[in-house]
Amino acid sequence: MLSRLTRPQAVAVCALPVVALVATALFAPLPFALAQPGMTANVLGENKGAEVITISGAKTRPTSGQLRMTTIEATGPDTDVALGDVFDSWFRTDRAVMPHDAVYPSGQSVKEIEKHNTAQMKESQDAATEAALNYLKLGDDKVKVMLKLADVGGPSAGLLFTLGIIDKLNGDGAGGDLTGGRTIAGTGTIDADGTVGAVGGVALKTQAAKRDGATVFLVPEEECSDAKAELPKGLRLIPVTSLKGAVSALTALESGKGSVPAC
């Protein structure tokens, strides 16, 4: 004969599966990556003891100011992210929760992902060099550019690499610097024809830029709304769609003549 449970006993028994489910949800790995503002590097200077941009076959010029490429720092591709981690990051302005597949290619090992990111960086560097030399109408058969940036992968430094090459070779074209002596940061992919593309993570990158002294941030135009979402006070956004537009905006900002686009 079965005995009847009291109400408190019944509630306790029913609660056990719920508690188990909640505990599982809290600690089970989820398909997300957590990101935060990462390192920045001045492409006109050194990174970890080595010049970021080295040019041979053409005369270079001394530069002032900084052009800082920006990054985000994400949890590793094999890091387990639990619900508690997601909940904590969701309500912080200096953290972001991103689908794992938006950060890392799906179905690949850690080594494969590292190889993929390295290849993307190499392609970005080649495109940046070609875009800069095309803009300056210089042949790449004589001018050689070497780009070196330790421990960074992906294509998002393309625009800043290109601007750095142009600044070292030609400045603003009238004897001044593209930076106007400012610390200018930014992000964006670059194609050989000078087209600037979106990259993701711009809200975190603006925070990294402000932290490292930037007052101006170049952002792919289609990501203006994302960049404005958590924009640090005192950081000016300049939207860009092309290399020509980026150079024009910087020279207008430097000279005080002409219009400077805004998000």
Protein backbone atom coordinates (compact mmCIF):
# COMPACT_ATOMS: atom_id res chain seq x y z
CA MET A 1 0.00 0.00 0.00
CA LEU A 2 1.32 3.41 -0.97
CA SER A 3 1.41 6.11 1.66
CA ARG A 4 0.14 9.58 0.82
CA LEU A 5 2.71 12.40 0.80
CA THR A 6 2.06 15.52 2.78
CA ARG A 7 1.96 18.82 0.84
CA PRO A 8 5.50 19.88 1.98
CA GLN A 9 6.83 16.46 0.99
CA ALA A 10 5.17 16.64 -2.43
CA VAL A 11 6.55 20.13 -3.07
CA ALA A 12 10.02 18.95 -2.09
CA VAL A 13 9.84 15.92 -4.40
CA CYS A 14 8.57 18.01 -7.34
CA ALA A 15 11.21 20.65 -6.76
CA LEU A 16 14.08 18.20 -7.08
CA PRO A 17 13.88 17.88 -10.90
CA VAL A 18 13.52 21.66 -11.24
CA VAL A 19 16.59 22.27 -9.10
CA ALA A 20 18.49 19.70 -11.14
CA LEU A 21 17.46 21.38 -14.40
CA VAL A 22 18.43 24.84 -13.13
CA ALA A 23 21.78 23.54 -11.92
CA THR A 24 22.39 21.89 -15.28
CA ALA A 25 21.49 25.11 -17.12
CA LEU A 26 23.77 27.16 -14.89
CA PHE A 27 26.83 25.03 -15.45
CA ALA A 28 26.30 23.40 -18.85
CA PRO A 29 28.44 24.88 -21.66
CA LEU A 30 26.55 27.17 -24.04
CA PRO A 31 27.29 28.08 -27.70
CA PHE A 32 28.51 31.58 -26.86
CA ALA A 33 31.78 33.46 -26.59
CA LEU A 34 32.35 36.31 -24.17
CA ALA A 35 34.26 39.36 -25.38
CA GLN A 36 35.79 42.46 -23.84
CA PRO A 37 37.93 45.40 -25.04
CA GLY A 38 41.30 44.08 -26.21
CA MET A 39 44.73 45.51 -26.90
CA THR A 40 45.39 48.37 -29.30
CA ALA A 41 48.60 49.06 -31.21
CA ASN A 42 49.98 52.17 -32.88
CA VAL A 43 50.75 51.07 -36.44
CA LEU A 44 53.06 54.08 -36.86
CA GLY A 45 55.31 52.82 -34.08
CA GLU A 46 56.51 49.60 -32.49
CA ASN A 47 54.64 46.61 -31.13
CA LYS A 48 56.52 44.26 -28.80
CA GLY A 49 59.87 45.74 -29.81
CA ALA A 50 59.40 45.62 -33.59
CA GLU A 51 58.26 48.27 -36.07
CA VAL A 52 54.74 47.51 -37.23
CA ILE A 53 55.33 49.02 -40.69
CA THR A 54 58.70 48.76 -42.43
CA ILE A 55 59.06 50.23 -45.93
CA SER A 56 61.94 49.88 -48.38
CA GLY A 57 62.39 51.17 -51.92
CA ALA A 58 60.88 54.58 -51.17
CA LYS A 59 61.67 57.49 -48.90
CA THR A 60 59.65 57.56 -45.69
CA ARG A 61 58.86 60.53 -43.49
CA PRO A 62 58.82 61.01 -39.72
CA THR A 63 55.32 60.99 -38.27
CA SER A 64 53.64 62.44 -35.21
CA GLY A 65 50.46 61.34 -33.52
CA GLN A 66 49.22 57.75 -33.50
CA LEU A 67 47.08 55.47 -35.62
CA ARG A 68 45.87 52.74 -33.28
CA MET A 69 44.31 49.54 -34.56
CA THR A 70 41.88 48.03 -32.06
CA THR A 71 40.91 44.52 -31.03
CA ILE A 72 38.49 42.61 -28.86
CA GLU A 73 39.57 39.84 -26.53
CA ALA A 74 37.28 36.82 -26.61
CA THR A 75 37.12 33.58 -24.67
CA GLY A 76 39.00 30.81 -26.45
CA PRO A 77 37.33 28.59 -29.05
CA ASP A 78 37.41 25.63 -26.65
CA THR A 79 36.36 27.56 -23.53
CA ASP A 80 33.11 26.42 -21.92
CA VAL A 81 30.73 29.33 -21.28
CA ALA A 82 28.00 28.71 -18.69
CA LEU A 83 24.68 30.48 -18.16
CA GLY A 84 26.04 32.32 -15.13
CA ASP A 85 28.86 33.75 -17.25
CA VAL A 86 26.40 34.87 -19.91
CA PHE A 87 24.08 36.47 -17.35
CA ASP A 88 26.95 38.38 -15.74
CA SER A 89 28.29 39.68 -19.06
CA TRP A 90 24.85 40.57 -20.45
CA PHE A 91 24.41 43.49 -18.08
CA ARG A 92 27.93 44.94 -18.36
CA THR A 93 28.84 47.63 -20.88
CA ASP A 94 32.45 46.42 -21.05
CA ARG A 95 31.47 42.86 -21.96
CA ALA A 96 29.56 41.31 -24.85
CA VAL A 97 27.91 37.95 -25.40
CA MET A 98 28.38 36.75 -28.97
CA PRO A 99 27.33 33.56 -30.77
CA HIS A 100 30.34 31.24 -30.82
CA ASP A 101 30.06 30.81 -34.59
CA ALA A 102 30.18 34.59 -35.08
CA VAL A 103 33.62 34.65 -33.45
CA TYR A 104 35.09 31.31 -34.51
CA PRO A 105 34.44 29.17 -37.60
CA SER A 106 32.27 26.21 -36.61
CA GLY A 107 33.51 22.64 -36.76
CA GLN A 108 37.20 23.53 -36.60
CA SER A 109 39.85 22.66 -34.06
CA VAL A 110 41.78 25.29 -32.11
CA LYS A 111 44.79 24.85 -34.41
CA GLU A 112 42.61 25.15 -37.51
CA ILE A 113 41.05 28.35 -36.15
CA GLU A 114 44.48 29.82 -35.37
CA LYS A 115 45.62 28.96 -38.88
CA HIS A 116 42.47 30.55 -40.32
CA ASN A 117 42.97 33.79 -38.34
CA THR A 118 46.63 33.98 -39.33
CA ALA A 119 45.69 33.54 -43.00
CA GLN A 120 43.08 36.29 -42.70
CA MET A 121 45.65 38.64 -41.19
CA LYS A 122 48.11 37.90 -44.03
CA GLU A 123 45.42 38.54 -46.66
CA SER A 124 44.49 41.78 -44.87
CA GLN A 125 48.11 42.95 -44.83
CA ASP A 126 48.54 42.21 -48.53
CA ALA A 127 45.32 44.06 -49.37
CA ALA A 128 46.36 47.00 -47.16
CA THR A 129 49.70 47.31 -48.92
CA GLU A 130 48.10 47.12 -52.36
CA ALA A 131 45.39 49.63 -51.44
CA ALA A 132 47.94 52.12 -50.07
CA LEU A 133 50.29 51.87 -53.05
CA ASN A 134 47.37 52.09 -55.48
CA TYR A 135 46.14 55.22 -53.69
CA LEU A 136 49.60 56.79 -53.91
CA LYS A 137 50.11 55.53 -57.49
CA LEU A 138 53.30 53.71 -56.54
CA GLY A 139 54.34 50.42 -58.10
CA ASP A 140 54.71 47.48 -55.76
CA ASP A 141 57.58 46.17 -57.90
CA LYS A 142 59.87 48.78 -56.31
CA VAL A 143 58.25 49.65 -52.98
CA LYS A 144 58.26 46.83 -50.46
CA VAL A 145 56.18 46.96 -47.31
CA MET A 146 56.49 44.58 -44.38
CA LEU A 147 53.77 44.55 -41.73
CA LYS A 148 54.32 42.88 -38.38
CA LEU A 149 51.86 42.68 -35.52
CA ALA A 150 52.38 39.97 -32.92
CA ASP A 151 49.56 37.86 -31.50
CA VAL A 152 46.78 39.39 -33.59
CA GLY A 153 44.71 37.58 -36.20
CA GLY A 154 41.84 38.39 -38.52
CA PRO A 155 41.28 41.14 -41.09
CA SER A 156 40.02 44.06 -38.98
CA ALA A 157 43.30 46.04 -38.90
CA GLY A 158 43.28 46.48 -42.69
CA LEU A 159 42.14 50.11 -42.78
CA LEU A 160 44.62 51.25 -40.12
CA PHE A 161 47.50 49.41 -41.81
CA THR A 162 46.67 51.20 -45.06
CA LEU A 163 46.48 54.63 -43.44
CA GLY A 164 49.77 53.96 -41.64
CA ILE A 165 51.55 53.16 -44.91
CA ILE A 166 50.17 56.31 -46.54
CA ASP A 167 51.16 58.47 -43.56
CA LYS A 168 54.72 57.12 -43.56
CA LEU A 169 55.11 57.67 -47.31
CA ASN A 170 53.06 60.77 -48.02
CA GLY A 171 51.39 62.14 -44.89
CA ASP A 172 48.47 64.36 -45.80
CA GLY A 173 50.09 65.14 -49.15
CA ALA A 174 50.96 68.71 -48.12
CA GLY A 175 53.77 68.15 -45.64
CA GLY A 176 51.62 67.36 -42.61
CA ASP A 177 50.52 64.20 -40.87
CA LEU A 178 47.27 62.35 -41.47
CA THR A 179 46.78 62.30 -37.72
CA GLY A 180 47.27 66.02 -37.21
CA GLY A 181 49.25 64.98 -34.14
CA ARG A 182 46.18 63.30 -32.60
CA THR A 183 45.75 59.75 -31.36
CA ILE A 184 43.33 58.28 -33.86
CA ALA A 185 41.98 54.76 -33.56
CA GLY A 186 39.73 52.71 -35.75
CA THR A 187 38.80 49.42 -37.31
CA GLY A 188 37.66 48.06 -40.65
CA THR A 189 38.65 45.61 -43.32
CA ILE A 190 40.20 46.87 -46.55
CA ASP A 191 40.08 45.59 -50.12
CA ALA A 192 42.78 46.29 -52.67
CA ASP A 193 40.45 48.81 -54.36
CA GLY A 194 40.12 50.75 -51.08
CA THR A 195 36.68 49.55 -50.01
CA VAL A 196 36.24 49.52 -46.22
CA GLY A 197 34.21 46.70 -44.71
CA ALA A 198 32.49 45.93 -41.39
CA VAL A 199 34.21 43.90 -38.70
CA GLY A 200 32.02 43.48 -35.59
CA GLY A 201 32.72 44.23 -31.95
CA VAL A 202 32.97 47.98 -32.54
CA ALA A 203 31.29 48.96 -29.24
CA LEU A 204 34.07 47.17 -27.36
CA LYS A 205 36.75 48.54 -29.66
CA THR A 206 35.69 52.14 -28.99
CA GLN A 207 36.21 51.46 -25.28
CA ALA A 208 39.69 50.07 -25.95
CA ALA A 209 40.46 53.14 -28.07
CA LYS A 210 39.36 55.60 -25.39
CA ARG A 211 41.26 53.67 -22.71
CA ASP A 212 44.47 54.02 -24.77
CA GLY A 213 44.15 57.74 -25.40
CA ALA A 214 42.27 58.07 -28.69
CA THR A 215 40.01 61.07 -29.33
CA VAL A 216 38.84 60.02 -32.82
CA PHE A 217 37.57 56.66 -34.01
CA LEU A 218 37.20 55.58 -37.65
CA VAL A 219 34.32 53.13 -38.00
CA PRO A 220 32.81 51.38 -41.04
CA GLU A 221 29.71 53.40 -41.83
CA GLU A 222 27.34 50.43 -41.60
CA GLU A 223 28.41 49.91 -37.98
CA CYS A 224 27.71 53.46 -36.81
CA SER A 225 24.71 52.47 -34.69
CA ASP A 226 26.69 49.74 -32.94
CA ALA A 227 29.57 52.12 -32.26
CA LYS A 228 27.22 54.76 -30.82
CA ALA A 229 25.54 52.26 -28.48
CA GLU A 230 28.22 52.44 -25.77
CA LEU A 231 30.34 55.32 -27.08
CA PRO A 232 32.78 56.61 -24.45
CA LYS A 233 32.54 60.31 -23.67
CA GLY A 234 35.07 62.41 -25.58
CA LEU A 235 35.53 59.96 -28.49
CA ARG A 236 34.48 61.30 -31.89
CA LEU A 237 33.16 58.85 -34.47
CA ILE A 238 34.00 59.26 -38.16
CA PRO A 239 32.17 56.85 -40.49
CA VAL A 240 34.04 55.61 -43.56
CA THR A 241 33.20 53.47 -46.58
CA SER A 242 36.41 53.86 -48.57
CA LEU A 243 40.09 54.63 -48.18
CA LYS A 244 39.66 57.86 -50.14
CA GLY A 245 36.89 58.94 -47.80
CA ALA A 246 38.96 58.11 -44.73
CA VAL A 247 41.93 60.14 -45.96
CA SER A 248 39.68 63.04 -46.92
CA ALA A 249 38.02 63.02 -43.49
CA LEU A 250 41.38 63.01 -41.69
CA THR A 251 42.82 65.83 -43.80
CA ALA A 252 39.66 67.89 -43.25
CA LEU A 253 39.90 67.23 -39.53
CA GLU A 254 43.55 68.26 -39.52
CA SER A 255 43.16 71.42 -41.58
CA GLY A 256 39.78 72.53 -40.27
CA LYS A 257 38.67 72.92 -43.88
CA GLY A 258 35.98 70.84 -45.48
CA SER A 259 33.36 68.61 -43.90
CA VAL A 260 34.09 65.75 -41.56
CA PRO A 261 31.36 63.08 -41.67
CA ALA A 262 29.68 61.96 -38.46
CA CYS A 263 27.56 58.98 -37.41
